[in-house]
Amino acid sequence: MKRITITIPDDVVDEADRRADELDRSRSWVVVEALRTFLASSDKSSIAVSEQQAHPYEARGIGWSRKQQLLADVGLSIEERVREAERAAWVTELVRHTGPRDQIVMFEVFEDYLDWKRREDLGL
């Protein structure tokens, strides 16, 4: 099993909850069964029609939330855009340097570890 996070319109969630109550099942079960039915569907024409009606999850082009972000960004002045770009670069650099490092360090004796740890703590 894998846990995923998705965004679903309120009316679809309400409908899924009603169906779950009717069947005495969980919401997750209803969603999984709907997805299995969709994936097993061999009628590609009905899938194409439902994709065209997928607003706000537009099937072609960019998604609704990305489009809203782009429209908000276009409304910024040049100075504001530069400031936001600098802030994003700063945050990215900060995360890059403070994130965990994946490494395996091995030592022959405990004293070697202590020397290494002392150098790490000093930033050497």
PDB file of N, CA and C in Angstrom:
ATOM      1  N   MET A   1       0.837  -1.179   0.000  1.00  0.00           N
ATOM      2  CA  MET A   1       0.000   0.000   0.000  1.00  0.00           C
ATOM      3  C   MET A   1       0.881   1.241   0.000  1.00  0.00           C
ATOM      4  N   LYS A   2       0.418   2.288  -0.679  1.00  0.00           N
ATOM      5  CA  LYS A   2       1.096   3.577  -0.683  1.00  0.00           C
ATOM      6  C   LYS A   2       0.077   4.646  -0.336  1.00  0.00           C
ATOM      7  N   ARG A   3       0.524   5.644   0.406  1.00  0.00           N
ATOM      8  CA  ARG A   3      -0.324   6.776   0.751  1.00  0.00           C
ATOM      9  C   ARG A   3       0.002   7.892  -0.242  1.00  0.00           C
ATOM     10  N   ILE A   4      -1.050   8.503  -0.803  1.00  0.00           N
ATOM     11  CA  ILE A   4      -0.868   9.610  -1.735  1.00  0.00           C
ATOM     12  C   ILE A   4      -1.743  10.772  -1.285  1.00  0.00           C
ATOM     13  N   THR A   5      -1.428  11.951  -1.770  1.00  0.00           N
ATOM     14  CA  THR A   5      -2.239  13.128  -1.488  1.00  0.00           C
ATOM     15  C   THR A   5      -2.719  13.689  -2.818  1.00  0.00           C
ATOM     16  N   ILE A   6      -4.023  13.894  -2.917  1.00  0.00           N
ATOM     17  CA  ILE A   6      -4.594  14.457  -4.137  1.00  0.00           C
ATOM     18  C   ILE A   6      -5.598  15.546  -3.747  1.00  0.00           C
ATOM     19  N   THR A   7      -5.905  16.399  -4.691  1.00  0.00           N
ATOM     20  CA  THR A   7      -6.905  17.438  -4.479  1.00  0.00           C
ATOM     21  C   THR A   7      -8.133  17.081  -5.299  1.00  0.00           C
ATOM     22  N   ILE A   8      -9.270  17.041  -4.620  1.00  0.00           N
ATOM     23  CA  ILE A   8     -10.528  16.641  -5.256  1.00  0.00           C
ATOM     24  C   ILE A   8     -11.565  17.717  -4.959  1.00  0.00           C
ATOM     25  N   PRO A   9     -12.380  18.085  -5.946  1.00  0.00           N
ATOM     26  CA  PRO A   9     -13.436  19.073  -5.694  1.00  0.00           C
ATOM     27  C   PRO A   9     -14.384  18.621  -4.579  1.00  0.00           C
ATOM     28  N   ASP A  10     -14.892  19.586  -3.820  1.00  0.00           N
ATOM     29  CA  ASP A  10     -15.751  19.279  -2.669  1.00  0.00           C
ATOM     30  C   ASP A  10     -16.945  18.417  -3.033  1.00  0.00           C
ATOM     31  N   ASP A  11     -17.591  18.716  -4.169  1.00  0.00           N
ATOM     32  CA  ASP A  11     -18.788  17.958  -4.531  1.00  0.00           C
ATOM     33  C   ASP A  11     -18.471  16.494  -4.803  1.00  0.00           C
ATOM     34  N   VAL A  12     -17.280  16.223  -5.348  1.00  0.00           N
ATOM     35  CA  VAL A  12     -16.888  14.831  -5.617  1.00  0.00           C
ATOM     36  C   VAL A  12     -16.605  14.105  -4.307  1.00  0.00           C
ATOM     37  N   VAL A  13     -15.965  14.784  -3.361  1.00  0.00           N
ATOM     38  CA  VAL A  13     -15.705  14.181  -2.053  1.00  0.00           C
ATOM     39  C   VAL A  13     -17.020  13.874  -1.346  1.00  0.00           C
ATOM     40  N   ASP A  14     -17.967  14.824  -1.397  1.00  0.00           N
ATOM     41  CA  ASP A  14     -19.271  14.613  -0.765  1.00  0.00           C
ATOM     42  C   ASP A  14     -19.975  13.399  -1.363  1.00  0.00           C
ATOM     43  N   GLU A  15     -19.912  13.286  -2.675  1.00  0.00           N
ATOM     44  CA  GLU A  15     -20.538  12.153  -3.352  1.00  0.00           C
ATOM     45  C   GLU A  15     -19.857  10.837  -2.972  1.00  0.00           C
ATOM     46  N   ALA A  16     -18.530  10.863  -2.892  1.00  0.00           N
ATOM     47  CA  ALA A  16     -17.785   9.665  -2.481  1.00  0.00           C
ATOM     48  C   ALA A  16     -18.133   9.283  -1.043  1.00  0.00           C
ATOM     49  N   ASP A  17     -18.279  10.273  -0.172  1.00  0.00           N
ATOM     50  CA  ASP A  17     -18.659   9.994   1.215  1.00  0.00           C
ATOM     51  C   ASP A  17     -20.054   9.381   1.300  1.00  0.00           C
ATOM     52  N   ARG A  18     -20.977   9.915   0.502  1.00  0.00           N
ATOM     53  CA  ARG A  18     -22.337   9.336   0.485  1.00  0.00           C
ATOM     54  C   ARG A  18     -22.302   7.880   0.029  1.00  0.00           C
ATOM     55  N   ARG A  19     -21.517   7.630  -1.032  1.00  0.00           N
ATOM     56  CA  ARG A  19     -21.436   6.252  -1.534  1.00  0.00           C
ATOM     57  C   ARG A  19     -20.778   5.335  -0.502  1.00  0.00           C
ATOM     58  N   ALA A  20     -19.761   5.842   0.182  1.00  0.00           N
ATOM     59  CA  ALA A  20     -19.091   5.047   1.213  1.00  0.00           C
ATOM     60  C   ALA A  20     -20.066   4.692   2.333  1.00  0.00           C
ATOM     61  N   ASP A  21     -20.898   5.654   2.736  1.00  0.00           N
ATOM     62  CA  ASP A  21     -21.897   5.379   3.777  1.00  0.00           C
ATOM     63  C   ASP A  21     -22.911   4.343   3.306  1.00  0.00           C
ATOM     64  N   GLU A  22     -23.362   4.480   2.054  1.00  0.00           N
ATOM     65  CA  GLU A  22     -24.325   3.524   1.501  1.00  0.00           C
ATOM     66  C   GLU A  22     -23.768   2.106   1.511  1.00  0.00           C
ATOM     67  N   LEU A  23     -22.500   1.963   1.165  1.00  0.00           N
ATOM     68  CA  LEU A  23     -21.871   0.648   1.047  1.00  0.00           C
ATOM     69  C   LEU A  23     -21.209   0.186   2.338  1.00  0.00           C
ATOM     70  N   ASP A  24     -21.243   1.041   3.366  1.00  0.00           N
ATOM     71  CA  ASP A  24     -20.581   0.751   4.635  1.00  0.00           C
ATOM     72  C   ASP A  24     -19.097   0.444   4.401  1.00  0.00           C
ATOM     73  N   ARG A  25     -18.476   1.309   3.621  1.00  0.00           N
ATOM     74  CA  ARG A  25     -17.049   1.200   3.292  1.00  0.00           C
ATOM     75  C   ARG A  25     -16.369   2.531   3.605  1.00  0.00           C
ATOM     76  N   SER A  26     -15.049   2.538   3.522  1.00  0.00           N
ATOM     77  CA  SER A  26     -14.312   3.779   3.748  1.00  0.00           C
ATOM     78  C   SER A  26     -14.279   4.615   2.470  1.00  0.00           C
ATOM     79  N   ARG A  27     -13.975   5.887   2.641  1.00  0.00           N
ATOM     80  CA  ARG A  27     -13.807   6.774   1.496  1.00  0.00           C
ATOM     81  C   ARG A  27     -12.677   6.260   0.598  1.00  0.00           C
ATOM     82  N   SER A  28     -11.587   5.804   1.215  1.00  0.00           N
ATOM     83  CA  SER A  28     -10.453   5.286   0.442  1.00  0.00           C
ATOM     84  C   SER A  28     -10.874   4.115  -0.441  1.00  0.00           C
ATOM     85  N   TRP A  29     -11.695   3.238   0.102  1.00  0.00           N
ATOM     86  CA  TRP A  29     -12.148   2.085  -0.668  1.00  0.00           C
ATOM     87  C   TRP A  29     -12.919   2.547  -1.903  1.00  0.00           C
ATOM     88  N   VAL A  30     -13.810   3.530  -1.717  1.00  0.00           N
ATOM     89  CA  VAL A  30     -14.609   4.041  -2.833  1.00  0.00           C
ATOM     90  C   VAL A  30     -13.703   4.652  -3.898  1.00  0.00           C
ATOM     91  N   VAL A  31     -12.717   5.441  -3.471  1.00  0.00           N
ATOM     92  CA  VAL A  31     -11.808   6.079  -4.424  1.00  0.00           C
ATOM     93  C   VAL A  31     -10.995   5.037  -5.181  1.00  0.00           C
ATOM     94  N   VAL A  32     -10.499   4.028  -4.478  1.00  0.00           N
ATOM     95  CA  VAL A  32      -9.710   2.969  -5.127  1.00  0.00           C
ATOM     96  C   VAL A  32     -10.563   2.219  -6.142  1.00  0.00           C
ATOM     97  N   GLU A  33     -11.791   1.884  -5.772  1.00  0.00           N
ATOM     98  CA  GLU A  33     -12.669   1.165  -6.710  1.00  0.00           C
ATOM     99  C   GLU A  33     -12.991   2.018  -7.930  1.00  0.00           C
ATOM    100  N   ALA A  34     -13.210   3.315  -7.737  1.00  0.00           N
ATOM    101  CA  ALA A  34     -13.476   4.208  -8.873  1.00  0.00           C
ATOM    102  C   ALA A  34     -12.263   4.274  -9.782  1.00  0.00           C
ATOM    103  N   LEU A  35     -11.081   4.357  -9.198  1.00  0.00           N
ATOM    104  CA  LEU A  35      -9.860   4.416  -9.999  1.00  0.00           C
ATOM    105  C   LEU A  35      -9.641   3.107 -10.747  1.00  0.00           C
ATOM    106  N   ARG A  36      -9.886   1.983 -10.078  1.00  0.00           N
ATOM    107  CA  ARG A  36      -9.764   0.681 -10.774  1.00  0.00           C
ATOM    108  C   ARG A  36     -10.726   0.596 -11.953  1.00  0.00           C
ATOM    109  N   THR A  37     -11.949   1.045 -11.758  1.00  0.00           N
ATOM    110  CA  THR A  37     -12.938   1.024 -12.844  1.00  0.00           C
ATOM    111  C   THR A  37     -12.490   1.916 -13.992  1.00  0.00           C
ATOM    112  N   PHE A  38     -12.002   3.090 -13.674  1.00  0.00           N
ATOM    113  CA  PHE A  38     -11.517   4.020 -14.700  1.00  0.00           C
ATOM    114  C   PHE A  38     -10.352   3.411 -15.471  1.00  0.00           C
ATOM    115  N   LEU A  39      -9.387   2.829 -14.757  1.00  0.00           N
ATOM    116  CA  LEU A  39      -8.212   2.260 -15.416  1.00  0.00           C
ATOM    117  C   LEU A  39      -8.549   1.031 -16.249  1.00  0.00           C
ATOM    118  N   ALA A  40      -9.579   0.317 -15.855  1.00  0.00           N
ATOM    119  CA  ALA A  40      -9.967  -0.881 -16.586  1.00  0.00           C
ATOM    120  C   ALA A  40     -10.847  -0.550 -17.793  1.00  0.00           C
ATOM    121  N   SER A  41     -11.337   0.677 -17.887  1.00  0.00           N
ATOM    122  CA  SER A  41     -12.233   1.072 -18.960  1.00  0.00           C
ATOM    123  C   SER A  41     -11.525   0.961 -20.306  1.00  0.00           C
ATOM    124  N   SER A  42     -12.190   0.301 -21.246  1.00  0.00           N
ATOM    125  CA  SER A  42     -11.617   0.177 -22.587  1.00  0.00           C
ATOM    126  C   SER A  42     -12.233   1.198 -23.540  1.00  0.00           C
ATOM    127  N   ASP A  43     -13.225   1.947 -23.070  1.00  0.00           N
ATOM    128  CA  ASP A  43     -13.897   2.939 -23.897  1.00  0.00           C
ATOM    129  C   ASP A  43     -13.123   4.256 -23.844  1.00  0.00           C
ATOM    130  N   LYS A  44     -12.165   4.403 -24.730  1.00  0.00           N
ATOM    131  CA  LYS A  44     -11.297   5.586 -24.741  1.00  0.00           C
ATOM    132  C   LYS A  44     -12.062   6.847 -25.118  1.00  0.00           C
ATOM    133  N   SER A  45     -13.155   6.741 -25.860  1.00  0.00           N
ATOM    134  CA  SER A  45     -13.894   7.941 -26.257  1.00  0.00           C
ATOM    135  C   SER A  45     -14.543   8.600 -25.050  1.00  0.00           C
ATOM    136  N   SER A  46     -15.047   7.819 -24.097  1.00  0.00           N
ATOM    137  CA  SER A  46     -15.670   8.427 -22.913  1.00  0.00           C
ATOM    138  C   SER A  46     -14.613   9.075 -22.029  1.00  0.00           C
ATOM    139  N   ILE A  47     -13.412   8.513 -22.035  1.00  0.00           N
ATOM    140  CA  ILE A  47     -12.321   9.115 -21.271  1.00  0.00           C
ATOM    141  C   ILE A  47     -11.942  10.445 -21.886  1.00  0.00           C
ATOM    142  N   ALA A  48     -11.874  10.524 -23.211  1.00  0.00           N
ATOM    143  CA  ALA A  48     -11.523  11.769 -23.891  1.00  0.00           C
ATOM    144  C   ALA A  48     -12.569  12.841 -23.605  1.00  0.00           C
ATOM    145  N   VAL A  49     -13.844  12.460 -23.596  1.00  0.00           N
ATOM    146  CA  VAL A  49     -14.907  13.419 -23.305  1.00  0.00           C
ATOM    147  C   VAL A  49     -14.779  13.908 -21.876  1.00  0.00           C
ATOM    148  N   SER A  50     -14.534  13.011 -20.933  1.00  0.00           N
ATOM    149  CA  SER A  50     -14.425  13.441 -19.533  1.00  0.00           C
ATOM    150  C   SER A  50     -13.197  14.316 -19.329  1.00  0.00           C
ATOM    151  N   GLU A  51     -12.130  14.101 -20.088  1.00  0.00           N
ATOM    152  CA  GLU A  51     -10.945  14.960 -19.986  1.00  0.00           C
ATOM    153  C   GLU A  51     -11.240  16.363 -20.473  1.00  0.00           C
ATOM    154  N   GLN A  52     -12.078  16.483 -21.499  1.00  0.00           N
ATOM    155  CA  GLN A  52     -12.417  17.804 -22.011  1.00  0.00           C
ATOM    156  C   GLN A  52     -13.282  18.566 -21.010  1.00  0.00           C
ATOM    157  N   GLN A  53     -14.027  17.855 -20.170  1.00  0.00           N
ATOM    158  CA  GLN A  53     -14.896  18.486 -19.192  1.00  0.00           C
ATOM    159  C   GLN A  53     -14.233  18.565 -17.824  1.00  0.00           C
ATOM    160  N   ALA A  54     -12.922  18.410 -17.771  1.00  0.00           N
ATOM    161  CA  ALA A  54     -12.215  18.274 -16.505  1.00  0.00           C
ATOM    162  C   ALA A  54     -11.962  19.577 -15.773  1.00  0.00           C
ATOM    163  N   HIS A  55     -12.524  20.679 -16.233  1.00  0.00           N
ATOM    164  CA  HIS A  55     -12.307  21.970 -15.569  1.00  0.00           C
ATOM    165  C   HIS A  55     -12.616  21.837 -14.088  1.00  0.00           C
ATOM    166  N   PRO A  56     -11.808  22.296 -13.138  1.00  0.00           N
ATOM    167  CA  PRO A  56     -10.633  23.119 -13.323  1.00  0.00           C
ATOM    168  C   PRO A  56      -9.357  22.333 -13.595  1.00  0.00           C
ATOM    169  N   TYR A  57      -9.430  21.036 -13.731  1.00  0.00           N
ATOM    170  CA  TYR A  57      -8.235  20.245 -14.017  1.00  0.00           C
ATOM    171  C   TYR A  57      -8.115  20.077 -15.520  1.00  0.00           C
ATOM    172  N   GLU A  58      -7.673  21.118 -16.178  1.00  0.00           N
ATOM    173  CA  GLU A  58      -7.633  21.130 -17.629  1.00  0.00           C
ATOM    174  C   GLU A  58      -6.741  20.019 -18.156  1.00  0.00           C
ATOM    175  N   ALA A  59      -7.262  19.256 -19.131  1.00  0.00           N
ATOM    176  CA  ALA A  59      -6.519  18.120 -19.661  1.00  0.00           C
ATOM    177  C   ALA A  59      -5.375  18.583 -20.556  1.00  0.00           C
ATOM    178  N   ARG A  60      -5.558  19.686 -21.227  1.00  0.00           N
ATOM    179  CA  ARG A  60      -4.500  20.187 -22.098  1.00  0.00           C
ATOM    180  C   ARG A  60      -3.980  21.498 -21.536  1.00  0.00           C
ATOM    181  N   GLY A  61      -2.726  21.781 -21.779  1.00  0.00           N
ATOM    182  CA  GLY A  61      -2.161  23.025 -21.283  1.00  0.00           C
ATOM    183  C   GLY A  61      -1.796  22.919 -19.816  1.00  0.00           C
ATOM    184  N   ILE A  62      -1.843  24.045 -19.125  1.00  0.00           N
ATOM    185  CA  ILE A  62      -1.445  24.057 -17.721  1.00  0.00           C
ATOM    186  C   ILE A  62      -2.664  23.869 -16.827  1.00  0.00           C
ATOM    187  N   GLY A  63      -2.430  23.398 -15.636  1.00  0.00           N
ATOM    188  CA  GLY A  63      -3.512  23.173 -14.691  1.00  0.00           C
ATOM    189  C   GLY A  63      -4.048  24.480 -14.123  1.00  0.00           C
ATOM    190  N   TRP A  64      -5.182  24.408 -13.499  1.00  0.00           N
ATOM    191  CA  TRP A  64      -5.875  25.578 -12.985  1.00  0.00           C
ATOM    192  C   TRP A  64      -5.037  26.323 -11.946  1.00  0.00           C
ATOM    193  N   SER A  65      -4.476  25.606 -10.960  1.00  0.00           N
ATOM    194  CA  SER A  65      -3.725  26.291  -9.899  1.00  0.00           C
ATOM    195  C   SER A  65      -2.453  26.932 -10.446  1.00  0.00           C
ATOM    196  N   ARG A  66      -1.795  26.268 -11.394  1.00  0.00           N
ATOM    197  CA  ARG A  66      -0.596  26.852 -12.001  1.00  0.00           C
ATOM    198  C   ARG A  66      -0.963  28.100 -12.799  1.00  0.00           C
ATOM    199  N   LYS A  67      -2.088  28.048 -13.485  1.00  0.00           N
ATOM    200  CA  LYS A  67      -2.544  29.202 -14.257  1.00  0.00           C
ATOM    201  C   LYS A  67      -2.823  30.378 -13.324  1.00  0.00           C
ATOM    202  N   GLN A  68      -3.453  30.123 -12.172  1.00  0.00           N
ATOM    203  CA  GLN A  68      -3.724  31.187 -11.209  1.00  0.00           C
ATOM    204  C   GLN A  68      -2.428  31.792 -10.683  1.00  0.00           C
ATOM    205  N   GLN A  69      -1.423  30.945 -10.421  1.00  0.00           N
ATOM    206  CA  GLN A  69      -0.137  31.447  -9.950  1.00  0.00           C
ATOM    207  C   GLN A  69       0.528  32.312 -11.013  1.00  0.00           C
ATOM    208  N   LEU A  70       0.484  31.872 -12.264  1.00  0.00           N
ATOM    209  CA  LEU A  70       1.075  32.658 -13.344  1.00  0.00           C
ATOM    210  C   LEU A  70       0.379  34.010 -13.499  1.00  0.00           C
ATOM    211  N   LEU A  71      -0.938  34.024 -13.398  1.00  0.00           N
ATOM    212  CA  LEU A  71      -1.668  35.287 -13.501  1.00  0.00           C
ATOM    213  C   LEU A  71      -1.294  36.225 -12.353  1.00  0.00           C
ATOM    214  N   ALA A  72      -1.129  35.679 -11.156  1.00  0.00           N
ATOM    215  CA  ALA A  72      -0.712  36.507 -10.012  1.00  0.00           C
ATOM    216  C   ALA A  72       0.701  37.045 -10.233  1.00  0.00           C
ATOM    217  N   ASP A  73       1.579  36.207 -10.775  1.00  0.00           N
ATOM    218  CA  ASP A  73       2.957  36.640 -11.029  1.00  0.00           C
ATOM    219  C   ASP A  73       3.025  37.739 -12.081  1.00  0.00           C
ATOM    220  N   VAL A  74       2.194  37.637 -13.105  1.00  0.00           N
ATOM    221  CA  VAL A  74       2.185  38.648 -14.162  1.00  0.00           C
ATOM    222  C   VAL A  74       1.754  39.995 -13.590  1.00  0.00           C
ATOM    223  N   GLY A  75       0.947  39.995 -12.551  1.00  0.00           N
ATOM    224  CA  GLY A  75       0.489  41.228 -11.942  1.00  0.00           C
ATOM    225  C   GLY A  75       1.557  41.956 -11.128  1.00  0.00           C
ATOM    226  N   LEU A  76       2.699  41.307 -10.896  1.00  0.00           N
ATOM    227  CA  LEU A  76       3.766  41.932 -10.113  1.00  0.00           C
ATOM    228  C   LEU A  76       4.546  42.928 -10.974  1.00  0.00           C
ATOM    229  N   SER A  77       5.094  43.927 -10.317  1.00  0.00           N
ATOM    230  CA  SER A  77       5.965  44.857 -11.041  1.00  0.00           C
ATOM    231  C   SER A  77       7.309  44.166 -11.295  1.00  0.00           C
ATOM    232  N   ILE A  78       8.131  44.766 -12.118  1.00  0.00           N
ATOM    233  CA  ILE A  78       9.442  44.192 -12.423  1.00  0.00           C
ATOM    234  C   ILE A  78      10.267  44.068 -11.157  1.00  0.00           C
ATOM    235  N   GLU A  79      10.233  45.113 -10.318  1.00  0.00           N
ATOM    236  CA  GLU A  79      10.998  45.091  -9.069  1.00  0.00           C
ATOM    237  C   GLU A  79      10.525  43.956  -8.154  1.00  0.00           C
ATOM    238  N   GLU A  80       9.209  43.785  -8.072  1.00  0.00           N
ATOM    239  CA  GLU A  80       8.651  42.718  -7.234  1.00  0.00           C
ATOM    240  C   GLU A  80       9.049  41.339  -7.763  1.00  0.00           C
ATOM    241  N   ARG A  81       9.056  41.197  -9.085  1.00  0.00           N
ATOM    242  CA  ARG A  81       9.472  39.921  -9.677  1.00  0.00           C
ATOM    243  C   ARG A  81      10.927  39.613  -9.344  1.00  0.00           C
ATOM    244  N   VAL A  82      11.786  40.632  -9.446  1.00  0.00           N
ATOM    245  CA  VAL A  82      13.206  40.434  -9.135  1.00  0.00           C
ATOM    246  C   VAL A  82      13.367  40.054  -7.667  1.00  0.00           C
ATOM    247  N   ARG A  83      12.652  40.769  -6.779  1.00  0.00           N
ATOM    248  CA  ARG A  83      12.729  40.456  -5.349  1.00  0.00           C
ATOM    249  C   ARG A  83      12.274  39.023  -5.071  1.00  0.00           C
ATOM    250  N   GLU A  84      11.175  38.601  -5.694  1.00  0.00           N
ATOM    251  CA  GLU A  84      10.670  37.236  -5.501  1.00  0.00           C
ATOM    252  C   GLU A  84      11.665  36.202  -6.037  1.00  0.00           C
ATOM    253  N   ALA A  85      12.291  36.490  -7.171  1.00  0.00           N
ATOM    254  CA  ALA A  85      13.287  35.568  -7.729  1.00  0.00           C
ATOM    255  C   ALA A  85      14.494  35.460  -6.803  1.00  0.00           C
ATOM    256  N   GLU A  86      14.944  36.597  -6.260  1.00  0.00           N
ATOM    257  CA  GLU A  86      16.075  36.574  -5.327  1.00  0.00           C
ATOM    258  C   GLU A  86      15.722  35.803  -4.059  1.00  0.00           C
ATOM    259  N   ARG A  87      14.491  36.001  -3.556  1.00  0.00           N
ATOM    260  CA  ARG A  87      14.051  35.284  -2.361  1.00  0.00           C
ATOM    261  C   ARG A  87      13.997  33.777  -2.617  1.00  0.00           C
ATOM    262  N   ALA A  88      13.471  33.394  -3.770  1.00  0.00           N
ATOM    263  CA  ALA A  88      13.394  31.972  -4.106  1.00  0.00           C
ATOM    264  C   ALA A  88      14.788  31.363  -4.232  1.00  0.00           C
ATOM    265  N   ALA A  89      15.720  32.104  -4.835  1.00  0.00           N
ATOM    266  CA  ALA A  89      17.099  31.614  -4.959  1.00  0.00           C
ATOM    267  C   ALA A  89      17.742  31.480  -3.587  1.00  0.00           C
ATOM    268  N   TRP A  90      17.492  32.442  -2.693  1.00  0.00           N
ATOM    269  CA  TRP A  90      18.054  32.401  -1.347  1.00  0.00           C
ATOM    270  C   TRP A  90      17.516  31.205  -0.579  1.00  0.00           C
ATOM    271  N   VAL A  91      16.201  30.982  -0.658  1.00  0.00           N
ATOM    272  CA  VAL A  91      15.591  29.847   0.043  1.00  0.00           C
ATOM    273  C   VAL A  91      16.131  28.534  -0.511  1.00  0.00           C
ATOM    274  N   THR A  92      16.254  28.440  -1.822  1.00  0.00           N
ATOM    275  CA  THR A  92      16.784  27.226  -2.440  1.00  0.00           C
ATOM    276  C   THR A  92      18.204  26.955  -1.962  1.00  0.00           C
ATOM    277  N   GLU A  93      19.022  27.986  -1.925  1.00  0.00           N
ATOM    278  CA  GLU A  93      20.405  27.839  -1.467  1.00  0.00           C
ATOM    279  C   GLU A  93      20.448  27.459   0.008  1.00  0.00           C
ATOM    280  N   LEU A  94      19.588  28.055   0.808  1.00  0.00           N
ATOM    281  CA  LEU A  94      19.519  27.743   2.229  1.00  0.00           C
ATOM    282  C   LEU A  94      19.145  26.282   2.446  1.00  0.00           C
ATOM    283  N   VAL A  95      18.142  25.822   1.729  1.00  0.00           N
ATOM    284  CA  VAL A  95      17.704  24.430   1.859  1.00  0.00           C
ATOM    285  C   VAL A  95      18.801  23.486   1.388  1.00  0.00           C
ATOM    286  N   ARG A  96      19.471  23.843   0.315  1.00  0.00           N
ATOM    287  CA  ARG A  96      20.525  22.997  -0.225  1.00  0.00           C
ATOM    288  C   ARG A  96      21.644  22.798   0.801  1.00  0.00           C
ATOM    289  N   HIS A  97      21.983  23.843   1.555  1.00  0.00           N
ATOM    290  CA  HIS A  97      23.102  23.759   2.490  1.00  0.00           C
ATOM    291  C   HIS A  97      22.725  23.247   3.862  1.00  0.00           C
ATOM    292  N   THR A  98      21.438  23.295   4.210  1.00  0.00           N
ATOM    293  CA  THR A  98      21.052  22.842   5.541  1.00  0.00           C
ATOM    294  C   THR A  98      20.365  21.489   5.519  1.00  0.00           C
ATOM    295  N   GLY A  99      20.102  20.963   4.342  1.00  0.00           N
ATOM    296  CA  GLY A  99      19.436  19.674   4.258  1.00  0.00           C
ATOM    297  C   GLY A  99      20.357  18.541   4.674  1.00  0.00           C
ATOM    298  N   PRO A 100      19.765  17.394   4.936  1.00  0.00           N
ATOM    299  CA  PRO A 100      20.593  16.257   5.346  1.00  0.00           C
ATOM    300  C   PRO A 100      21.492  15.784   4.211  1.00  0.00           C
ATOM    301  N   ARG A 101      22.652  15.303   4.582  1.00  0.00           N
ATOM    302  CA  ARG A 101      23.584  14.770   3.588  1.00  0.00           C
ATOM    303  C   ARG A 101      23.581  13.250   3.708  1.00  0.00           C
ATOM    304  N   ASP A 102      23.548  12.592   2.595  1.00  0.00           N
ATOM    305  CA  ASP A 102      23.622  11.148   2.583  1.00  0.00           C
ATOM    306  C   ASP A 102      25.080  10.757   2.430  1.00  0.00           C
ATOM    307  N   GLN A 103      25.599  10.113   3.454  1.00  0.00           N
ATOM    308  CA  GLN A 103      26.983   9.652   3.367  1.00  0.00           C
ATOM    309  C   GLN A 103      27.181   8.514   4.359  1.00  0.00           C
ATOM    310  N   ILE A 104      28.139   7.698   4.051  1.00  0.00           N
ATOM    311  CA  ILE A 104      28.544   6.628   4.951  1.00  0.00           C
ATOM    312  C   ILE A 104      30.002   6.888   5.300  1.00  0.00           C
ATOM    313  N   VAL A 105      30.271   7.000   6.582  1.00  0.00           N
ATOM    314  CA  VAL A 105      31.622   7.270   7.050  1.00  0.00           C
ATOM    315  C   VAL A 105      32.016   6.103   7.950  1.00  0.00           C
ATOM    316  N   MET A 106      33.173   5.522   7.672  1.00  0.00           N
ATOM    317  CA  MET A 106      33.640   4.380   8.461  1.00  0.00           C
ATOM    318  C   MET A 106      34.996   4.712   9.076  1.00  0.00           C
ATOM    319  N   PHE A 107      35.245   4.165  10.255  1.00  0.00           N
ATOM    320  CA  PHE A 107      36.478   4.433  10.968  1.00  0.00           C
ATOM    321  C   PHE A 107      37.076   3.119  11.461  1.00  0.00           C
ATOM    322  N   GLU A 108      38.388   3.074  11.496  1.00  0.00           N
ATOM    323  CA  GLU A 108      39.093   1.891  12.004  1.00  0.00           C
ATOM    324  C   GLU A 108      38.991   1.818  13.523  1.00  0.00           C
ATOM    325  N   VAL A 109      39.166   2.992  14.165  1.00  0.00           N
ATOM    326  CA  VAL A 109      39.127   3.034  15.623  1.00  0.00           C
ATOM    327  C   VAL A 109      38.277   4.220  16.067  1.00  0.00           C
ATOM    328  N   PHE A 110      37.819   4.166  17.303  1.00  0.00           N
ATOM    329  CA  PHE A 110      36.950   5.193  17.839  1.00  0.00           C
ATOM    330  C   PHE A 110      37.615   6.564  17.862  1.00  0.00           C
ATOM    331  N   GLU A 111      38.902   6.611  18.087  1.00  0.00           N
ATOM    332  CA  GLU A 111      39.619   7.881  18.118  1.00  0.00           C
ATOM    333  C   GLU A 111      39.550   8.596  16.766  1.00  0.00           C
ATOM    334  N   ASP A 112      39.572   7.820  15.670  1.00  0.00           N
ATOM    335  CA  ASP A 112      39.418   8.422  14.346  1.00  0.00           C
ATOM    336  C   ASP A 112      38.048   9.095  14.215  1.00  0.00           C
ATOM    337  N   TYR A 113      37.034   8.432  14.758  1.00  0.00           N
ATOM    338  CA  TYR A 113      35.694   9.013  14.743  1.00  0.00           C
ATOM    339  C   TYR A 113      35.678  10.334  15.516  1.00  0.00           C
ATOM    340  N   LEU A 114      36.292  10.338  16.704  1.00  0.00           N
ATOM    341  CA  LEU A 114      36.314  11.552  17.515  1.00  0.00           C
ATOM    342  C   LEU A 114      37.017  12.694  16.784  1.00  0.00           C
ATOM    343  N   ASP A 115      38.120  12.389  16.100  1.00  0.00           N
ATOM    344  CA  ASP A 115      38.816  13.417  15.314  1.00  0.00           C
ATOM    345  C   ASP A 115      37.922  13.944  14.190  1.00  0.00           C
ATOM    346  N   TRP A 116      37.258  13.046  13.500  1.00  0.00           N
ATOM    347  CA  TRP A 116      36.358  13.435  12.410  1.00  0.00           C
ATOM    348  C   TRP A 116      35.213  14.306  12.942  1.00  0.00           C
ATOM    349  N   LYS A 117      34.616  13.875  14.042  1.00  0.00           N
ATOM    350  CA  LYS A 117      33.491  14.596  14.622  1.00  0.00           C
ATOM    351  C   LYS A 117      33.920  16.004  15.049  1.00  0.00           C
ATOM    352  N   ARG A 118      35.092  16.137  15.628  1.00  0.00           N
ATOM    353  CA  ARG A 118      35.601  17.437  16.051  1.00  0.00           C
ATOM    354  C   ARG A 118      35.775  18.361  14.830  1.00  0.00           C
ATOM    355  N   ARG A 119      36.331  17.809  13.737  1.00  0.00           N
ATOM    356  CA  ARG A 119      36.487  18.605  12.508  1.00  0.00           C
ATOM    357  C   ARG A 119      35.138  19.000  11.925  1.00  0.00           C
ATOM    358  N   GLU A 120      34.164  18.093  11.951  1.00  0.00           N
ATOM    359  CA  GLU A 120      32.800  18.406  11.465  1.00  0.00           C
ATOM    360  C   GLU A 120      32.183  19.530  12.273  1.00  0.00           C
ATOM    361  N   ASP A 121      32.318  19.441  13.590  1.00  0.00           N
ATOM    362  CA  ASP A 121      31.735  20.473  14.457  1.00  0.00           C
ATOM    363  C   ASP A 121      32.370  21.837  14.226  1.00  0.00           C
ATOM    364  N   LEU A 122      33.640  21.855  13.848  1.00  0.00           N
ATOM    365  CA  LEU A 122      34.338  23.112  13.580  1.00  0.00           C
ATOM    366  C   LEU A 122      34.086  23.600  12.139  1.00  0.00           C
ATOM    367  N   GLY A 123      33.462  22.763  11.320  1.00  0.00           N
ATOM    368  CA  GLY A 123      33.187  23.137   9.939  1.00  0.00           C
ATOM    369  C   GLY A 123      34.371  23.005   9.031  1.00  0.00           C
ATOM    370  N   LEU A 124      35.327  22.170   9.412  1.00  0.00           N
ATOM    371  CA  LEU A 124      36.530  21.989   8.590  1.00  0.00           C
ATOM    372  C   LEU A 124      36.362  20.887   7.582  1.00  0.00           C
TER     373      LEU A 124
END
